Amino acid sequence: MDSAMIGKIQKAKEYAEQPELMQFTSFEVEFRGENNVHKVSLNNGEWGCTCSFFHSHGYCSHTMALERVLDKMLQNAKTVTDQ
C-alpha cells in the first residue's frame, strides 16, 4: 500500500470518530419490516415515509429509528420531539 492510501485511511478513521462533522441533507432508505418494505426519505430537513402511520401523523417508527441511528448527523432534521 502506498503512503497516499495510508494517509487517506488514517483521515477516514479520524472523520469516523467525529460524526458531528457530518450532516445529512438528503437520502432515501428502504426498511424491510415484517410486513412490508417502506421507503424513508430526508430532504432539506423534512422526513418522509411511505407507511400509512407517517401519512396520518407526520412521524413513524421508521423515521424515529433513523433519528436514533444517525443521531448527531441529523442536526438540521426535524425530529419527533419537534412535532
Foldseek 3Di string as FASTA:
>chain_A
DDPVVVVVVVVVVVCVVCLLVAADQKDWDWDDDPPHIKIWMHHRQQIDIPDPVCVVPVDDPVQQVVCVVSPNNHVSHQDPVND
